[in-house]
């Protein structure tokens, strides 16, 4: 990302060629995925600090391109917003019940749920070549909520990475552990290459999963089901990330 922005500021142009594939391997364990996500999101935040001021000051870059660059570079900041929304959702539910004078504000806030439609269209467009026929559509609408939930579950881990990138906190470059196979049927090895510890962040992810379950209980008790789907996705996402983080850590110990 850093090189691409520096090159474009020098006048280079790029063309995306969709029919050329680049072989890659998906992380096989949750902690490997976290390592990858941490590096990507922190690196993106560091590129914001390094490159966004130059893009905004550039006289050769059109205003529309500057806006697009700002959204592109700051894309990882969404995890900070997701985490903040998750933590505030339960108090918001309580405020909604105890302060009816704010009800009009909550009704107006419903408009922001349309952002979900934007996400659906975005990812549908990105995967349109693999979603042919009704089977492809069914697969998308089954996997998309799971993907969205896991993204929520990774928000704490990724938000820490983003904030560290913004404040300039230096950390080592950690590679993503790989199995070296495309078959996906090799077990995770018990060696130092895969070994990972149960970090405080993992424990906090479990706590947030329990926090979301508490939000579900409160919503059912007061009869307000507006945030129920959201809290279910939070509980599922954080619970899944917590479970696999612990399970894979114990498996490689």
Protein backbone atom coordinates (compact mmCIF):
# COMPACT_ATOMS: atom_id res chain seq x y z
CA UNK A 1 0.00 0.00 0.00
CA UNK A 2 2.82 2.39 0.89
CA UNK A 3 4.60 1.76 -2.41
CA UNK A 4 1.41 2.08 -4.46
CA UNK A 5 0.54 5.48 -2.98
CA UNK A 6 4.06 6.80 -3.35
CA UNK A 7 4.13 5.61 -6.97
CA UNK A 8 0.77 7.22 -7.76
CA UNK A 9 1.90 10.50 -6.22
CA UNK A 10 4.82 10.34 -8.68
CA UNK A 11 2.40 10.03 -11.59
CA UNK A 12 2.29 6.26 -12.10
CA UNK A 13 -0.96 4.60 -13.22
CA UNK A 14 -2.17 1.08 -12.49
CA UNK A 15 -4.46 -1.35 -14.28
CA UNK A 16 -6.28 -4.20 -12.55
CA UNK A 17 -6.17 -7.43 -14.57
CA UNK A 18 -8.78 -9.72 -13.05
CA UNK A 19 -7.94 -12.86 -15.06
CA UNK A 20 -4.42 -13.17 -13.60
CA UNK A 21 -4.46 -15.22 -10.39
CA UNK A 22 -2.00 -14.88 -7.53
CA UNK A 23 -1.59 -18.16 -5.56
CA UNK A 24 -2.09 -17.71 -1.82
CA UNK A 25 -2.87 -19.71 1.30
CA UNK A 26 -5.47 -18.82 3.87
CA UNK A 27 -4.45 -18.94 7.56
CA UNK A 28 -5.24 -22.36 9.01
CA UNK A 29 -5.59 -21.32 12.67
CA UNK A 30 -7.32 -18.44 14.43
CA UNK A 31 -4.09 -17.09 15.92
CA UNK A 32 -2.46 -17.21 12.48
CA UNK A 33 -5.40 -15.20 11.13
CA UNK A 34 -4.97 -12.72 13.98
CA UNK A 35 -1.28 -12.34 13.16
CA UNK A 36 -2.16 -11.57 9.55
CA UNK A 37 -4.99 -9.19 10.45
CA UNK A 38 -2.83 -7.37 13.00
CA UNK A 39 -0.06 -6.76 10.45
CA UNK A 40 -2.47 -5.66 7.72
CA UNK A 41 -4.52 -3.29 9.87
CA UNK A 42 -1.60 -1.76 11.70
CA UNK A 43 0.24 -1.32 8.41
CA UNK A 44 -2.78 0.39 6.88
CA UNK A 45 -2.95 2.80 9.85
CA UNK A 46 0.77 3.55 9.50
CA UNK A 47 0.17 4.31 5.81
CA UNK A 48 -2.52 6.81 6.83
CA UNK A 49 -0.01 8.70 8.95
CA UNK A 50 2.68 8.52 6.28
CA UNK A 51 0.77 9.06 3.04
CA UNK A 52 -2.61 10.72 3.61
CA UNK A 53 -1.17 14.20 4.34
CA UNK A 54 0.82 14.02 1.08
CA UNK A 55 -2.27 12.97 -0.87
CA UNK A 56 -4.39 15.79 0.59
CA UNK A 57 -1.67 18.40 -0.08
CA UNK A 58 -1.03 17.24 -3.64
CA UNK A 59 -2.04 19.73 -6.33
CA UNK A 60 -2.05 17.08 -9.08
CA UNK A 61 -4.59 14.79 -7.39
CA UNK A 62 -8.27 15.60 -8.06
CA UNK A 63 -10.55 16.21 -5.08
CA UNK A 64 -12.62 13.09 -5.83
CA UNK A 65 -9.44 10.99 -5.77
CA UNK A 66 -8.44 12.53 -2.45
CA UNK A 67 -11.81 11.55 -0.96
CA UNK A 68 -11.46 8.02 -2.31
CA UNK A 69 -7.90 7.78 -0.99
CA UNK A 70 -9.00 8.92 2.47
CA UNK A 71 -11.69 6.24 2.63
CA UNK A 72 -9.32 3.61 1.24
CA UNK A 73 -6.41 4.39 3.54
CA UNK A 74 -8.61 4.71 6.65
CA UNK A 75 -10.61 1.57 5.87
CA UNK A 76 -9.17 -0.34 8.85
CA UNK A 77 -10.42 2.38 11.22
CA UNK A 78 -13.86 0.77 10.89
CA UNK A 79 -12.80 -1.78 13.52
CA UNK A 80 -12.46 0.98 16.10
CA UNK A 81 -16.03 2.03 15.29
CA UNK A 82 -17.29 -1.57 15.45
CA UNK A 83 -15.70 -2.06 18.86
CA UNK A 84 -17.09 1.22 20.19
CA UNK A 85 -20.57 0.38 18.91
CA UNK A 86 -20.41 -3.07 20.48
CA UNK A 87 -19.42 -1.69 23.88
CA UNK A 88 -22.04 1.07 23.80
CA UNK A 89 -24.90 -1.10 22.54
CA UNK A 90 -25.93 -2.45 25.96
CA UNK A 91 -25.91 0.97 27.74
CA UNK A 92 -27.81 2.32 24.74
CA UNK A 93 -30.46 -0.34 25.26
CA UNK A 94 -30.82 0.68 28.91
CA UNK A 95 -30.95 4.40 28.07
CA UNK A 96 -33.66 3.70 25.52
CA UNK A 97 -35.81 2.14 28.26
CA UNK A 98 -35.18 4.71 30.99
CA UNK A 99 -35.29 7.89 28.89
CA UNK A 100 -38.31 7.81 26.54
CA UNK A 101 -37.67 11.45 25.61
CA UNK A 102 -34.79 10.22 23.41
CA UNK A 103 -37.01 7.82 21.46
CA UNK A 104 -37.18 10.12 18.45
CA UNK A 105 -33.38 10.02 18.20
CA UNK A 106 -33.41 6.23 18.24
CA UNK A 107 -36.08 6.22 15.53
CA UNK A 108 -33.97 8.52 13.36
CA UNK A 109 -30.90 6.33 13.96
CA UNK A 110 -32.66 3.44 12.21
CA UNK A 111 -31.58 5.02 8.92
CA UNK A 112 -28.02 3.85 9.61
CA UNK A 113 -29.14 0.23 9.28
CA UNK A 114 -29.21 0.85 5.53
CA UNK A 115 -25.42 0.68 5.69
CA UNK A 116 -25.94 -3.09 5.83
CA UNK A 117 -27.44 -2.96 2.35
CA UNK A 118 -24.31 -1.17 1.13
CA UNK A 119 -22.15 -3.95 2.56
CA UNK A 120 -24.31 -6.64 0.96
CA UNK A 121 -24.08 -4.98 -2.46
CA UNK A 122 -20.33 -4.45 -2.05
CA UNK A 123 -19.52 -8.08 -1.24
CA UNK A 124 -22.08 -9.42 -3.71
CA UNK A 125 -20.38 -7.41 -6.46
CA UNK A 126 -16.93 -8.60 -5.35
CA UNK A 127 -18.04 -12.26 -5.55
CA UNK A 128 -20.47 -12.03 -8.46
CA UNK A 129 -18.40 -14.36 -10.66
CA UNK A 130 -18.74 -17.16 -8.07
CA UNK A 131 -22.41 -16.62 -7.25
CA UNK A 132 -24.05 -17.90 -10.41
CA UNK A 133 -27.49 -19.47 -10.05
CA UNK A 134 -29.71 -19.88 -7.01
CA UNK A 135 -27.22 -22.14 -5.25
CA UNK A 136 -24.61 -19.39 -5.34
CA UNK A 137 -27.12 -16.87 -3.98
CA UNK A 138 -28.08 -19.19 -1.13
CA UNK A 139 -24.44 -19.81 -0.29
CA UNK A 140 -23.77 -16.05 -0.19
CA UNK A 141 -26.68 -15.27 2.12
CA UNK A 142 -25.58 -18.11 4.41
CA UNK A 143 -21.88 -17.23 4.58
CA UNK A 144 -22.19 -13.43 4.60
CA UNK A 145 -23.74 -13.18 8.12
CA UNK A 146 -21.04 -15.57 9.41
CA UNK A 147 -18.33 -13.45 7.79
CA UNK A 148 -19.84 -10.28 9.25
CA UNK A 149 -20.05 -11.84 12.73
CA UNK A 150 -16.42 -13.01 12.68
CA UNK A 151 -15.35 -9.55 11.48
CA UNK A 152 -17.12 -8.13 14.54
CA UNK A 153 -15.37 -10.72 16.70
CA UNK A 154 -11.98 -9.58 15.41
CA UNK A 155 -12.75 -5.90 16.04
CA UNK A 156 -11.00 -5.72 19.44
CA UNK A 157 -7.80 -7.31 18.13
CA UNK A 158 -7.82 -5.21 14.96
CA UNK A 159 -8.75 -1.97 16.76
CA UNK A 160 -5.67 -2.35 18.97
CA UNK A 161 -3.56 -2.79 15.82
CA UNK A 162 -5.07 0.32 14.20
CA UNK A 163 -4.58 2.51 17.28
CA UNK A 164 -0.98 1.32 17.66
CA UNK A 165 -0.39 2.25 14.03
CA UNK A 166 -1.79 5.73 14.52
CA UNK A 167 0.29 6.49 17.62
CA UNK A 168 3.46 5.04 16.08
CA UNK A 169 3.92 2.15 18.51
CA UNK A 170 6.70 -0.07 17.13
CA UNK A 171 6.31 -3.85 17.08
CA UNK A 172 8.18 -6.70 15.33
CA UNK A 173 7.12 -7.92 11.88
CA UNK A 174 5.45 -11.29 12.44
CA UNK A 175 4.90 -13.69 9.56
CA UNK A 176 1.62 -15.54 9.14
CA UNK A 177 2.22 -19.25 9.91
CA UNK A 178 1.44 -21.41 6.86
CA UNK A 179 0.91 -25.12 6.32
CA UNK A 180 2.34 -25.06 2.82
CA UNK A 181 -0.55 -26.92 1.24
CA UNK A 182 -3.69 -26.09 -0.69
CA UNK A 183 -5.49 -29.26 0.41
CA UNK A 184 -6.28 -27.91 3.86
CA UNK A 185 -6.17 -31.36 5.47
CA UNK A 186 -2.84 -31.19 7.30
CA UNK A 187 -2.99 -30.86 11.11
CA UNK A 188 -1.50 -27.85 12.85
CA UNK A 189 1.96 -28.88 13.99
CA UNK A 190 3.01 -28.88 17.64
CA UNK A 191 6.16 -26.81 17.28
CA UNK A 192 7.47 -23.34 17.97
CA UNK A 193 6.41 -22.17 14.51
CA UNK A 194 2.73 -22.55 15.42
CA UNK A 195 2.96 -22.07 19.17
CA UNK A 196 0.82 -19.23 20.54
CA UNK A 197 -0.23 -18.13 24.01
CA UNK A 198 -3.64 -17.15 25.33
CA UNK A 199 -3.27 -13.38 25.43
CA UNK A 200 -5.19 -10.84 27.55
CA UNK A 201 -6.94 -9.72 24.35
CA UNK A 202 -8.28 -13.25 23.87
CA UNK A 203 -9.69 -13.19 27.39
CA UNK A 204 -11.31 -9.81 26.70
CA UNK A 205 -12.87 -11.26 23.54
CA UNK A 206 -14.50 -13.93 25.70
CA UNK A 207 -15.71 -11.23 28.09
CA UNK A 208 -17.26 -9.24 25.23
CA UNK A 209 -19.03 -12.39 24.00
CA UNK A 210 -20.55 -12.76 27.48
CA UNK A 211 -21.36 -9.03 27.45
CA UNK A 212 -23.30 -9.48 24.20
CA UNK A 213 -25.23 -12.41 25.72
CA UNK A 214 -26.12 -10.08 28.60
CA UNK A 215 -27.44 -7.63 26.00
CA UNK A 216 -29.60 -10.41 24.53
CA UNK A 217 -31.03 -11.20 27.97
CA UNK A 218 -31.78 -7.53 28.71
CA UNK A 219 -33.46 -7.07 25.34
CA UNK A 220 -35.69 -10.10 25.89
CA UNK A 221 -36.57 -9.03 29.45
CA UNK A 222 -37.61 -5.49 28.50
CA UNK A 223 -39.28 -6.60 25.27
CA UNK A 224 -37.02 -4.50 23.01
CA UNK A 225 -35.81 -6.72 20.17
CA UNK A 226 -34.37 -3.98 17.96
CA UNK A 227 -30.77 -4.85 18.85
CA UNK A 228 -31.36 -8.59 19.22
CA UNK A 229 -29.93 -9.59 15.79
CA UNK A 230 -26.91 -7.36 16.42
CA UNK A 231 -26.23 -8.82 19.87
CA UNK A 232 -26.64 -12.36 18.52
CA UNK A 233 -24.03 -11.65 15.85
CA UNK A 234 -21.72 -10.06 18.43
CA UNK A 235 -22.05 -13.03 20.78
CA UNK A 236 -21.49 -15.50 17.95
CA UNK A 237 -18.55 -13.59 16.44
CA UNK A 238 -16.65 -12.86 19.65
CA UNK A 239 -17.50 -16.30 21.01
CA UNK A 240 -16.17 -18.01 17.88
CA UNK A 241 -12.96 -15.97 17.84
CA UNK A 242 -12.44 -16.62 21.57
CA UNK A 243 -13.11 -20.36 21.27
CA UNK A 244 -10.79 -20.97 18.34
CA UNK A 245 -8.07 -18.72 19.79
CA UNK A 246 -8.04 -20.81 22.97
CA UNK A 247 -8.47 -24.15 21.21
CA UNK A 248 -5.66 -23.53 18.72
CA UNK A 249 -3.39 -22.19 21.48
CA UNK A 250 -3.91 -25.36 23.53
CA UNK A 251 -3.44 -27.56 20.46
CA UNK A 252 -0.04 -26.05 19.66
CA UNK A 253 1.20 -25.83 23.27
